[in-house]
């Protein structure tokens, strides 16, 4: 019996194959960058570059008409120690967030629970409840909202309280209710999350004697906690940036008595009304840091109450 020797591949043959693979990989990467280039260019020109310019302007005295003058930390010192309206805007914004976000999420969850068990017309009602989320950010709807809550408006005729937007104790609530009315987006997300909860869990809870409320607390809330956390983070970030409702309701003044002077409205006033663009840039960066800090706190605390089925109970 003879053994036939198999000739070893020629050293030069493997090199062209590897070269061809590298060339094909570079071609695929080049095609990917071609398709990504509009987004990358937009991110650089419309986001990153303006952020860098804004950070520089926050350390300058700039009035939009003359060259920026470097002042170091003066804008930040003035903001924190010499501007009482700044702190009023901070307090107003925090109050708005505390009122609007829980009410909006609670209403969205209640409607999603009602739609989950609906057999007929679910698509129609889902679209109808979602529509305000598409319309609520527009100035025209905000102006209609102002007319509803103004002196002599619909709310005044129904409740006889003289119009909410003319009363410092009620004007911010009128602004918050416009945000609550836009509960369609979190409602759709809640509805999608509810439909993913296995029905076997409710059946097992019913066998153990759990009623509807107990099923909601012990099954629905834990299984829906990732979706609730997502909506909470998203709506909190948006609430800190509220502008259009407060601008429309107060005619851009933040009144009455600065009761609707939210942070972004005061930033607009400093930057585009008073032409203190350097000061407004400093305010914008403080807002960015605060939103980042609040988001980090939410993520940190989520470890104690958000349940992920794939990871087991925490």
Foldseek 3Di string as FASTA:
>chain_A
DDDDDDDDDDPVPVVVVVVVVVVVVVVVVVVVCVVCVVVVVCCVPVPVVVLVVLVQLLQFFFQPPDDTHGNGCPLVCCLVPPDPLNVLQVVLLVVLLVPQQVLLLVVLLVVLVVLLPDDPPSVVVLCVQQVLLVVLLDLVVLLVLLQQQAQVHVVCVVPVPRGQLQDLVRNSVSLSVSSSSNSSVLSVLSNVQVVPFDPVLVVVCVVVPDDPVRCCVPGVCQSCQVSVLVSSLVVSLVSLVDDSNLCNNVVLPCDDVVSSSHLVSVLCCCCPVVSRSSSSSNSVVVSVVVSVVVSVVSVVVSVPRHDDVVVDGD
